[in-house]
Each structure stands twice: as C-alpha cells, then as structure tokens.
C-alpha cells in the first residue's frame, strides 16, 4: 500500500476511454448536475 497520486490520476483516463467522453463531461452528467453541484476538474 502506498499513497500515490499518479496511479490514482490515471483512473481519469480509464473512465474517458471506457465512456468515450471527457472526464468533466462524464462527471457533470453522472454526478454534478444530478445533485446540484457546481465546479470543474482542472
């Protein structure tokens, strides 16, 4: 076990590849807009 940002960050690429959408768009569609959040991944 090791707290490692790079390995975690590549989950974004996994989701983008699997969904065919940008990470922001998939997040916006599935969580952000459905619960009334604002915000952006940068």
ModelCIF file with pLDDT and N, C-alpha, C, O atoms, coordinates in Angstrom:
data_MODEL
#
_entry.id   MODEL 
#
_entity.id                         1 
_entity.type                       polymer 
_entity.pdbx_number_of_molecules   1 
#
_entity_poly.entity_id                      1 
_entity_poly.type                           'polypeptide(L)' 
_entity_poly.nstd_linkage                   no 
_entity_poly.nstd_monomer                   no 
_entity_poly.pdbx_seq_one_letter_code       
;(UNK)(UNK)(UNK)(UNK)(UNK)(UNK)(UNK)(UNK)(UNK)(UNK)(UNK)(UNK)(UNK)(UNK)(UNK)(UNK)
(UNK)(UNK)(UNK)(UNK)(UNK)(UNK)(UNK)(UNK)(UNK)(UNK)(UNK)(UNK)(UNK)(UNK)(UNK)(UNK)
(UNK)(UNK)(UNK)(UNK)(UNK)(UNK)(UNK)(UNK)(UNK)(UNK)
;
_entity_poly.pdbx_seq_one_letter_code_can   XXXXXXXXXXXXXXXXXXXXXXXXXXXXXXXXXXXXXXXXXX 
_entity_poly.pdbx_strand_id                 A 
#
loop_
_entity_poly_seq.entity_id 
_entity_poly_seq.num 
_entity_poly_seq.mon_id 
_entity_poly_seq.hetero 
1 1  UNK n 
1 2  UNK n 
1 3  UNK n 
1 4  UNK n 
1 5  UNK n 
1 6  UNK n 
1 7  UNK n 
1 8  UNK n 
1 9  UNK n 
1 10 UNK n 
1 11 UNK n 
1 12 UNK n 
1 13 UNK n 
1 14 UNK n 
1 15 UNK n 
1 16 UNK n 
1 17 UNK n 
1 18 UNK n 
1 19 UNK n 
1 20 UNK n 
1 21 UNK n 
1 22 UNK n 
1 23 UNK n 
1 24 UNK n 
1 25 UNK n 
1 26 UNK n 
1 27 UNK n 
1 28 UNK n 
1 29 UNK n 
1 30 UNK n 
1 31 UNK n 
1 32 UNK n 
1 33 UNK n 
1 34 UNK n 
1 35 UNK n 
1 36 UNK n 
1 37 UNK n 
1 38 UNK n 
1 39 UNK n 
1 40 UNK n 
1 41 UNK n 
1 42 UNK n 
#
_struct_asym.id          A 
_struct_asym.entity_id   1 
#
loop_
_ma_qa_metric.id 
_ma_qa_metric.mode 
_ma_qa_metric.name 
_ma_qa_metric.software_group_id 
_ma_qa_metric.type 
1 global pLDDT . pLDDT 
2 local  pLDDT . pLDDT 
#
_ma_qa_metric_global.metric_id      1 
_ma_qa_metric_global.metric_value   97.55 
_ma_qa_metric_global.model_id       1 
_ma_qa_metric_global.ordinal_id     1 
#
loop_
_ma_qa_metric_local.label_asym_id 
_ma_qa_metric_local.label_comp_id 
_ma_qa_metric_local.label_seq_id 
_ma_qa_metric_local.metric_id 
_ma_qa_metric_local.metric_value 
_ma_qa_metric_local.model_id 
_ma_qa_metric_local.ordinal_id 
A UNK 1  2 98.00 1 1  
A UNK 2  2 98.00 1 2  
A UNK 3  2 97.00 1 3  
A UNK 4  2 96.00 1 4  
A UNK 5  2 96.00 1 5  
A UNK 6  2 96.00 1 6  
A UNK 7  2 96.00 1 7  
A UNK 8  2 96.00 1 8  
A UNK 9  2 96.00 1 9  
A UNK 10 2 97.00 1 10 
A UNK 11 2 98.00 1 11 
A UNK 12 2 97.00 1 12 
A UNK 13 2 97.00 1 13 
A UNK 14 2 98.00 1 14 
A UNK 15 2 98.00 1 15 
A UNK 16 2 98.00 1 16 
A UNK 17 2 98.00 1 17 
A UNK 18 2 98.00 1 18 
A UNK 19 2 98.00 1 19 
A UNK 20 2 98.00 1 20 
A UNK 21 2 98.00 1 21 
A UNK 22 2 97.00 1 22 
A UNK 23 2 98.00 1 23 
A UNK 24 2 98.00 1 24 
A UNK 25 2 98.00 1 25 
A UNK 26 2 98.00 1 26 
A UNK 27 2 98.00 1 27 
A UNK 28 2 98.00 1 28 
A UNK 29 2 98.00 1 29 
A UNK 30 2 98.00 1 30 
A UNK 31 2 98.00 1 31 
A UNK 32 2 98.00 1 32 
A UNK 33 2 98.00 1 33 
A UNK 34 2 98.00 1 34 
A UNK 35 2 98.00 1 35 
A UNK 36 2 98.00 1 36 
A UNK 37 2 98.00 1 37 
A UNK 38 2 98.00 1 38 
A UNK 39 2 98.00 1 39 
A UNK 40 2 97.00 1 40 
A UNK 41 2 98.00 1 41 
A UNK 42 2 97.00 1 42 
#
loop_
_atom_site.group_PDB 
_atom_site.id 
_atom_site.type_symbol 
_atom_site.label_atom_id 
_atom_site.label_alt_id 
_atom_site.label_comp_id 
_atom_site.label_asym_id 
_atom_site.label_entity_id 
_atom_site.label_seq_id 
_atom_site.pdbx_PDB_ins_code 
_atom_site.Cartn_x 
_atom_site.Cartn_y 
_atom_site.Cartn_z 
_atom_site.occupancy 
_atom_site.B_iso_or_equiv 
_atom_site.pdbx_formal_charge 
_atom_site.auth_seq_id 
_atom_site.auth_comp_id 
_atom_site.auth_asym_id 
_atom_site.auth_atom_id 
_atom_site.pdbx_PDB_model_num 
ATOM 1   N N  . UNK A 1 1  ? 0.854   -1.199 0.000   1.00 98.00 ? 1  UNK A N  1 
ATOM 2   C CA . UNK A 1 1  ? 0.000   0.000  0.000   1.00 98.00 ? 1  UNK A CA 1 
ATOM 3   C C  . UNK A 1 1  ? 0.881   1.238  0.000   1.00 98.00 ? 1  UNK A C  1 
ATOM 4   O O  . UNK A 1 1  ? 1.813   1.336  0.799   1.00 98.00 ? 1  UNK A O  1 
ATOM 5   N N  . UNK A 1 2  ? 0.600   2.174  -0.878  1.00 98.00 ? 2  UNK A N  1 
ATOM 6   C CA . UNK A 1 2  ? 1.336   3.435  -0.913  1.00 98.00 ? 2  UNK A CA 1 
ATOM 7   C C  . UNK A 1 2  ? 0.435   4.514  -1.494  1.00 98.00 ? 2  UNK A C  1 
ATOM 8   O O  . UNK A 1 2  ? -0.250  4.298  -2.494  1.00 98.00 ? 2  UNK A O  1 
ATOM 9   N N  . UNK A 1 3  ? 0.445   5.657  -0.867  1.00 97.00 ? 3  UNK A N  1 
ATOM 10  C CA . UNK A 1 3  ? -0.367  6.803  -1.304  1.00 97.00 ? 3  UNK A CA 1 
ATOM 11  C C  . UNK A 1 3  ? 0.322   7.437  -2.509  1.00 97.00 ? 3  UNK A C  1 
ATOM 12  O O  . UNK A 1 3  ? 1.319   8.144  -2.364  1.00 97.00 ? 3  UNK A O  1 
ATOM 13  N N  . UNK A 1 4  ? -0.223  7.177  -3.705  1.00 96.00 ? 4  UNK A N  1 
ATOM 14  C CA . UNK A 1 4  ? 0.465   7.507  -4.951  1.00 96.00 ? 4  UNK A CA 1 
ATOM 15  C C  . UNK A 1 4  ? -0.496  8.217  -5.896  1.00 96.00 ? 4  UNK A C  1 
ATOM 16  O O  . UNK A 1 4  ? -1.422  7.608  -6.432  1.00 96.00 ? 4  UNK A O  1 
ATOM 17  N N  . UNK A 1 5  ? -0.263  9.513  -6.092  1.00 96.00 ? 5  UNK A N  1 
ATOM 18  C CA . UNK A 1 5  ? -1.182  10.316 -6.903  1.00 96.00 ? 5  UNK A CA 1 
ATOM 19  C C  . UNK A 1 5  ? -1.237  9.893  -8.359  1.00 96.00 ? 5  UNK A C  1 
ATOM 20  O O  . UNK A 1 5  ? -2.319  9.844  -8.944  1.00 96.00 ? 5  UNK A O  1 
ATOM 21  N N  . UNK A 1 6  ? -0.090  9.586  -8.960  1.00 96.00 ? 6  UNK A N  1 
ATOM 22  C CA . UNK A 1 6  ? -0.066  9.309  -10.400 1.00 96.00 ? 6  UNK A CA 1 
ATOM 23  C C  . UNK A 1 6  ? -0.922  8.107  -10.758 1.00 96.00 ? 6  UNK A C  1 
ATOM 24  O O  . UNK A 1 6  ? -1.694  8.151  -11.716 1.00 96.00 ? 6  UNK A O  1 
ATOM 25  N N  . UNK A 1 7  ? -0.788  7.038  -9.995  1.00 96.00 ? 7  UNK A N  1 
ATOM 26  C CA . UNK A 1 7  ? -1.574  5.828  -10.278 1.00 96.00 ? 7  UNK A CA 1 
ATOM 27  C C  . UNK A 1 7  ? -3.066  6.104  -10.135 1.00 96.00 ? 7  UNK A C  1 
ATOM 28  O O  . UNK A 1 7  ? -3.872  5.613  -10.926 1.00 96.00 ? 7  UNK A O  1 
ATOM 29  N N  . UNK A 1 8  ? -3.435  6.896  -9.120  1.00 96.00 ? 8  UNK A N  1 
ATOM 30  C CA . UNK A 1 8  ? -4.849  7.274  -8.948  1.00 96.00 ? 8  UNK A CA 1 
ATOM 31  C C  . UNK A 1 8  ? -5.333  8.123  -10.111 1.00 96.00 ? 8  UNK A C  1 
ATOM 32  O O  . UNK A 1 8  ? -6.427  7.907  -10.633 1.00 96.00 ? 8  UNK A O  1 
ATOM 33  N N  . UNK A 1 9  ? -4.511  9.099  -10.519 1.00 96.00 ? 9  UNK A N  1 
ATOM 34  C CA . UNK A 1 9  ? -4.924  10.046 -11.556 1.00 96.00 ? 9  UNK A CA 1 
ATOM 35  C C  . UNK A 1 9  ? -5.291  9.350  -12.855 1.00 96.00 ? 9  UNK A C  1 
ATOM 36  O O  . UNK A 1 9  ? -6.160  9.827  -13.585 1.00 96.00 ? 9  UNK A O  1 
ATOM 37  N N  . UNK A 1 10 ? -4.650  8.242  -13.153 1.00 97.00 ? 10 UNK A N  1 
ATOM 38  C CA . UNK A 1 10 ? -4.936  7.536  -14.396 1.00 97.00 ? 10 UNK A CA 1 
ATOM 39  C C  . UNK A 1 10 ? -6.316  6.884  -14.412 1.00 97.00 ? 10 UNK A C  1 
ATOM 40  O O  . UNK A 1 10 ? -6.730  6.360  -15.447 1.00 97.00 ? 10 UNK A O  1 
ATOM 41  N N  . UNK A 1 11 ? -7.033  6.903  -13.297 1.00 98.00 ? 11 UNK A N  1 
ATOM 42  C CA . UNK A 1 11 ? -8.446  6.491  -13.337 1.00 98.00 ? 11 UNK A CA 1 
ATOM 43  C C  . UNK A 1 11 ? -9.247  7.413  -14.255 1.00 98.00 ? 11 UNK A C  1 
ATOM 44  O O  . UNK A 1 11 ? -10.227 6.986  -14.865 1.00 98.00 ? 11 UNK A O  1 
ATOM 45  N N  . UNK A 1 12 ? -8.829  8.676  -14.353 1.00 97.00 ? 12 UNK A N  1 
ATOM 46  C CA . UNK A 1 12 ? -9.495  9.599  -15.278 1.00 97.00 ? 12 UNK A CA 1 
ATOM 47  C C  . UNK A 1 12 ? -9.420  9.067  -16.702 1.00 97.00 ? 12 UNK A C  1 
ATOM 48  O O  . UNK A 1 12 ? -10.407 9.078  -17.437 1.00 97.00 ? 12 UNK A O  1 
ATOM 49  N N  . UNK A 1 13 ? -8.224  8.597  -17.083 1.00 97.00 ? 13 UNK A N  1 
ATOM 50  C CA . UNK A 1 13 ? -8.043  8.070  -18.437 1.00 97.00 ? 13 UNK A CA 1 
ATOM 51  C C  . UNK A 1 13 ? -8.841  6.789  -18.642 1.00 97.00 ? 13 UNK A C  1 
ATOM 52  O O  . UNK A 1 13 ? -9.369  6.558  -19.730 1.00 97.00 ? 13 UNK A O  1 
ATOM 53  N N  . UNK A 1 14 ? -8.936  5.959  -17.613 1.00 98.00 ? 14 UNK A N  1 
ATOM 54  C CA . UNK A 1 14 ? -9.742  4.740  -17.694 1.00 98.00 ? 14 UNK A CA 1 
ATOM 55  C C  . UNK A 1 14 ? -11.195 5.088  -17.992 1.00 98.00 ? 14 UNK A C  1 
ATOM 56  O O  . UNK A 1 14 ? -11.813 4.493  -18.875 1.00 98.00 ? 14 UNK A O  1 
ATOM 57  N N  . UNK A 1 15 ? -11.737 6.050  -17.257 1.00 98.00 ? 15 UNK A N  1 
ATOM 58  C CA . UNK A 1 15 ? -13.145 6.432  -17.439 1.00 98.00 ? 15 UNK A CA 1 
ATOM 59  C C  . UNK A 1 15 ? -13.354 7.107  -18.788 1.00 98.00 ? 15 UNK A C  1 
ATOM 60  O O  . UNK A 1 15 ? -14.359 6.859  -19.454 1.00 98.00 ? 15 UNK A O  1 
ATOM 61  N N  . UNK A 1 16 ? -12.416 7.956  -19.198 1.00 98.00 ? 16 UNK A N  1 
ATOM 62  C CA . UNK A 1 16 ? -12.554 8.619  -20.502 1.00 98.00 ? 16 UNK A CA 1 
ATOM 63  C C  . UNK A 1 16 ? -12.534 7.591  -21.635 1.00 98.00 ? 16 UNK A C  1 
ATOM 64  O O  . UNK A 1 16 ? -13.348 7.663  -22.556 1.00 98.00 ? 16 UNK A O  1 
ATOM 65  N N  . UNK A 1 17 ? -11.610 6.644  -21.566 1.00 98.00 ? 17 UNK A N  1 
ATOM 66  C CA . UNK A 1 17 ? -11.513 5.629  -22.607 1.00 98.00 ? 17 UNK A CA 1 
ATOM 67  C C  . UNK A 1 17 ? -12.769 4.762  -22.657 1.00 98.00 ? 17 UNK A C  1 
ATOM 68  O O  . UNK A 1 17 ? -13.267 4.445  -23.737 1.00 98.00 ? 17 UNK A O  1 
ATOM 69  N N  . UNK A 1 18 ? -13.276 4.381  -21.489 1.00 98.00 ? 18 UNK A N  1 
ATOM 70  C CA . UNK A 1 18 ? -14.438 3.491  -21.437 1.00 98.00 ? 18 UNK A CA 1 
ATOM 71  C C  . UNK A 1 18 ? -15.729 4.195  -21.829 1.00 98.00 ? 18 UNK A C  1 
ATOM 72  O O  . UNK A 1 18 ? -16.613 3.585  -22.431 1.00 98.00 ? 18 UNK A O  1 
ATOM 73  N N  . UNK A 1 19 ? -15.842 5.469  -21.492 1.00 98.00 ? 19 UNK A N  1 
ATOM 74  C CA . UNK A 1 19 ? -17.099 6.204  -21.736 1.00 98.00 ? 19 UNK A CA 1 
ATOM 75  C C  . UNK A 1 19 ? -17.116 6.926  -23.077 1.00 98.00 ? 19 UNK A C  1 
ATOM 76  O O  . UNK A 1 19 ? -18.187 7.234  -23.601 1.00 98.00 ? 19 UNK A O  1 
ATOM 77  N N  . UNK A 1 20 ? -15.937 7.198  -23.640 1.00 98.00 ? 20 UNK A N  1 
ATOM 78  C CA . UNK A 1 20 ? -15.873 7.982  -24.870 1.00 98.00 ? 20 UNK A CA 1 
ATOM 79  C C  . UNK A 1 20 ? -16.184 9.449  -24.638 1.00 98.00 ? 20 UNK A C  1 
ATOM 80  O O  . UNK A 1 20 ? -16.470 10.176 -25.589 1.00 98.00 ? 20 UNK A O  1 
ATOM 81  N N  . UNK A 1 21 ? -16.133 9.895  -23.388 1.00 98.00 ? 21 UNK A N  1 
ATOM 82  C CA . UNK A 1 21 ? -16.427 11.277 -23.029 1.00 98.00 ? 21 UNK A CA 1 
ATOM 83  C C  . UNK A 1 21 ? -15.252 11.857 -22.265 1.00 98.00 ? 21 UNK A C  1 
ATOM 84  O O  . UNK A 1 21 ? -14.434 11.125 -21.709 1.00 98.00 ? 21 UNK A O  1 
ATOM 85  N N  . UNK A 1 22 ? -15.176 13.188 -22.244 1.00 97.00 ? 22 UNK A N  1 
ATOM 86  C CA . UNK A 1 22 ? -14.179 13.804 -21.378 1.00 97.00 ? 22 UNK A CA 1 
ATOM 87  C C  . UNK A 1 22 ? -14.547 13.524 -19.925 1.00 97.00 ? 22 UNK A C  1 
ATOM 88  O O  . UNK A 1 22 ? -15.711 13.293 -19.597 1.00 97.00 ? 22 UNK A O  1 
ATOM 89  N N  . UNK A 1 23 ? -13.545 13.549 -19.073 1.00 98.00 ? 23 UNK A N  1 
ATOM 90  C CA . UNK A 1 23 ? -13.793 13.268 -17.653 1.00 98.00 ? 23 UNK A CA 1 
ATOM 91  C C  . UNK A 1 23 ? -14.779 14.277 -17.063 1.00 98.00 ? 23 UNK A C  1 
ATOM 92  O O  . UNK A 1 23 ? -15.681 13.906 -16.312 1.00 98.00 ? 23 UNK A O  1 
ATOM 93  N N  . UNK A 1 24 ? -14.601 15.558 -17.410 1.00 98.00 ? 24 UNK A N  1 
ATOM 94  C CA . UNK A 1 24 ? -15.519 16.584 -16.919 1.00 98.00 ? 24 UNK A CA 1 
ATOM 95  C C  . UNK A 1 24 ? -16.951 16.336 -17.365 1.00 98.00 ? 24 UNK A C  1 
ATOM 96  O O  . UNK A 1 24 ? -17.885 16.476 -16.575 1.00 98.00 ? 24 UNK A O  1 
ATOM 97  N N  . UNK A 1 25 ? -17.127 15.968 -18.633 1.00 98.00 ? 25 UNK A N  1 
ATOM 98  C CA . UNK A 1 25 ? -18.488 15.763 -19.140 1.00 98.00 ? 25 UNK A CA 1 
ATOM 99  C C  . UNK A 1 25 ? -19.158 14.554 -18.501 1.00 98.00 ? 25 UNK A C  1 
ATOM 100 O O  . UNK A 1 25 ? -20.341 14.600 -18.166 1.00 98.00 ? 25 UNK A O  1 
ATOM 101 N N  . UNK A 1 26 ? -18.401 13.474 -18.333 1.00 98.00 ? 26 UNK A N  1 
ATOM 102 C CA . UNK A 1 26 ? -18.989 12.292 -17.701 1.00 98.00 ? 26 UNK A CA 1 
ATOM 103 C C  . UNK A 1 26 ? -19.345 12.591 -16.247 1.00 98.00 ? 26 UNK A C  1 
ATOM 104 O O  . UNK A 1 26 ? -20.410 12.202 -15.769 1.00 98.00 ? 26 UNK A O  1 
ATOM 105 N N  . UNK A 1 27 ? -18.454 13.280 -15.553 1.00 98.00 ? 27 UNK A N  1 
ATOM 106 C CA . UNK A 1 27 ? -18.723 13.647 -14.159 1.00 98.00 ? 27 UNK A CA 1 
ATOM 107 C C  . UNK A 1 27 ? -19.927 14.578 -14.059 1.00 98.00 ? 27 UNK A C  1 
ATOM 108 O O  . UNK A 1 27 ? -20.778 14.408 -13.186 1.00 98.00 ? 27 UNK A O  1 
ATOM 109 N N  . UNK A 1 28 ? -19.995 15.556 -14.952 1.00 98.00 ? 28 UNK A N  1 
ATOM 110 C CA . UNK A 1 28 ? -21.113 16.515 -14.937 1.00 98.00 ? 28 UNK A CA 1 
ATOM 111 C C  . UNK A 1 28 ? -22.442 15.796 -15.146 1.00 98.00 ? 28 UNK A C  1 
ATOM 112 O O  . UNK A 1 28 ? -23.429 16.074 -14.465 1.00 98.00 ? 28 UNK A O  1 
ATOM 113 N N  . UNK A 1 29 ? -22.447 14.872 -16.097 1.00 98.00 ? 29 UNK A N  1 
ATOM 114 C CA . UNK A 1 29 ? -23.682 14.157 -16.431 1.00 98.00 ? 29 UNK A CA 1 
ATOM 115 C C  . UNK A 1 29 ? -24.110 13.191 -15.328 1.00 98.00 ? 29 UNK A C  1 
ATOM 116 O O  . UNK A 1 29 ? -25.302 13.038 -15.063 1.00 98.00 ? 29 UNK A O  1 
ATOM 117 N N  . UNK A 1 30 ? -23.147 12.544 -14.690 1.00 98.00 ? 30 UNK A N  1 
ATOM 118 C CA . UNK A 1 30 ? -23.469 11.451 -13.766 1.00 98.00 ? 30 UNK A CA 1 
ATOM 119 C C  . UNK A 1 30 ? -23.593 11.890 -12.306 1.00 98.00 ? 30 UNK A C  1 
ATOM 120 O O  . UNK A 1 30 ? -24.316 11.258 -11.535 1.00 98.00 ? 30 UNK A O  1 
ATOM 121 N N  . UNK A 1 31 ? -22.903 12.956 -11.918 1.00 98.00 ? 31 UNK A N  1 
ATOM 122 C CA . UNK A 1 31 ? -22.953 13.381 -10.514 1.00 98.00 ? 31 UNK A CA 1 
ATOM 123 C C  . UNK A 1 31 ? -23.299 14.856 -10.375 1.00 98.00 ? 31 UNK A C  1 
ATOM 124 O O  . UNK A 1 31 ? -24.316 15.203 -9.775  1.00 98.00 ? 31 UNK A O  1 
ATOM 125 N N  . UNK A 1 32 ? -22.464 15.719 -10.924 1.00 98.00 ? 32 UNK A N  1 
ATOM 126 C CA . UNK A 1 32 ? -22.566 17.149 -10.625 1.00 98.00 ? 32 UNK A CA 1 
ATOM 127 C C  . UNK A 1 32 ? -23.959 17.719 -10.833 1.00 98.00 ? 32 UNK A C  1 
ATOM 128 O O  . UNK A 1 32 ? -24.559 18.268 -9.909  1.00 98.00 ? 32 UNK A O  1 
ATOM 129 N N  . UNK A 1 33 ? -24.479 17.583 -12.075 1.00 98.00 ? 33 UNK A N  1 
ATOM 130 C CA . UNK A 1 33 ? -25.761 18.199 -12.381 1.00 98.00 ? 33 UNK A CA 1 
ATOM 131 C C  . UNK A 1 33 ? -26.931 17.487 -11.710 1.00 98.00 ? 33 UNK A C  1 
ATOM 132 O O  . UNK A 1 33 ? -27.986 18.089 -11.509 1.00 98.00 ? 33 UNK A O  1 
ATOM 133 N N  . UNK A 1 34 ? -26.759 16.226 -11.365 1.00 98.00 ? 34 UNK A N  1 
ATOM 134 C CA . UNK A 1 34 ? -27.855 15.462 -10.763 1.00 98.00 ? 34 UNK A CA 1 
ATOM 135 C C  . UNK A 1 34 ? -28.080 15.801 -9.298  1.00 98.00 ? 34 UNK A C  1 
ATOM 136 O O  . UNK A 1 34 ? -29.166 15.571 -8.764  1.00 98.00 ? 34 UNK A O  1 
ATOM 137 N N  . UNK A 1 35 ? -27.050 16.351 -8.640  1.00 98.00 ? 35 UNK A N  1 
ATOM 138 C CA . UNK A 1 35 ? -27.229 16.699 -7.226  1.00 98.00 ? 35 UNK A CA 1 
ATOM 139 C C  . UNK A 1 35 ? -27.069 18.201 -6.971  1.00 98.00 ? 35 UNK A C  1 
ATOM 140 O O  . UNK A 1 35 ? -27.057 18.643 -5.822  1.00 98.00 ? 35 UNK A O  1 
ATOM 141 N N  . UNK A 1 36 ? -26.946 18.980 -8.048  1.00 98.00 ? 36 UNK A N  1 
ATOM 142 C CA . UNK A 1 36 ? -26.941 20.437 -7.904  1.00 98.00 ? 36 UNK A CA 1 
ATOM 143 C C  . UNK A 1 36 ? -25.613 21.046 -7.511  1.00 98.00 ? 36 UNK A C  1 
ATOM 144 O O  . UNK A 1 36 ? -25.573 22.150 -6.967  1.00 98.00 ? 36 UNK A O  1 
ATOM 145 N N  . UNK A 1 37 ? -24.517 20.335 -7.782  1.00 98.00 ? 37 UNK A N  1 
ATOM 146 C CA . UNK A 1 37 ? -23.194 20.901 -7.503  1.00 98.00 ? 37 UNK A CA 1 
ATOM 147 C C  . UNK A 1 37 ? -22.814 21.922 -8.570  1.00 98.00 ? 37 UNK A C  1 
ATOM 148 O O  . UNK A 1 37 ? -23.411 21.968 -9.645  1.00 98.00 ? 37 UNK A O  1 
ATOM 149 N N  . UNK A 1 38 ? -21.817 22.736 -8.254  1.00 98.00 ? 38 UNK A N  1 
ATOM 150 C CA . UNK A 1 38 ? -21.115 23.485 -9.287  1.00 98.00 ? 38 UNK A CA 1 
ATOM 151 C C  . UNK A 1 38 ? -19.704 22.916 -9.348  1.00 98.00 ? 38 UNK A C  1 
ATOM 152 O O  . UNK A 1 38 ? -19.394 21.962 -8.634  1.00 98.00 ? 38 UNK A O  1 
ATOM 153 N N  . UNK A 1 39 ? -18.853 23.478 -10.179 1.00 98.00 ? 39 UNK A N  1 
ATOM 154 C CA . UNK A 1 39 ? -17.457 23.073 -10.139 1.00 98.00 ? 39 UNK A CA 1 
ATOM 155 C C  . UNK A 1 39 ? -16.935 22.460 -11.418 1.00 98.00 ? 39 UNK A C  1 
ATOM 156 O O  . UNK A 1 39 ? -17.679 22.202 -12.365 1.00 98.00 ? 39 UNK A O  1 
ATOM 157 N N  . UNK A 1 40 ? -15.618 22.232 -11.418 1.00 97.00 ? 40 UNK A N  1 
ATOM 158 C CA . UNK A 1 40 ? -14.912 21.795 -12.616 1.00 97.00 ? 40 UNK A CA 1 
ATOM 159 C C  . UNK A 1 40 ? -13.625 21.089 -12.222 1.00 97.00 ? 40 UNK A C  1 
ATOM 160 O O  . UNK A 1 40 ? -12.951 21.477 -11.268 1.00 97.00 ? 40 UNK A O  1 
ATOM 161 N N  . UNK A 1 41 ? -13.293 20.031 -12.986 1.00 98.00 ? 41 UNK A N  1 
ATOM 162 C CA . UNK A 1 41 ? -11.990 19.384 -12.855 1.00 98.00 ? 41 UNK A CA 1 
ATOM 163 C C  . UNK A 1 41 ? -10.987 20.140 -13.711 1.00 98.00 ? 41 UNK A C  1 
ATOM 164 O O  . UNK A 1 41 ? -11.246 20.395 -14.887 1.00 98.00 ? 41 UNK A O  1 
ATOM 165 N N  . UNK A 1 42 ? -9.851  20.499 -13.138 1.00 97.00 ? 42 UNK A N  1 
ATOM 166 C CA . UNK A 1 42 ? -8.828  21.271 -13.851 1.00 97.00 ? 42 UNK A CA 1 
ATOM 167 C C  . UNK A 1 42 ? -7.499  20.538 -13.767 1.00 97.00 ? 42 UNK A C  1 
ATOM 168 O O  . UNK A 1 42 ? -6.497  21.013 -14.301 1.00 97.00 ? 42 UNK A O  1 
#
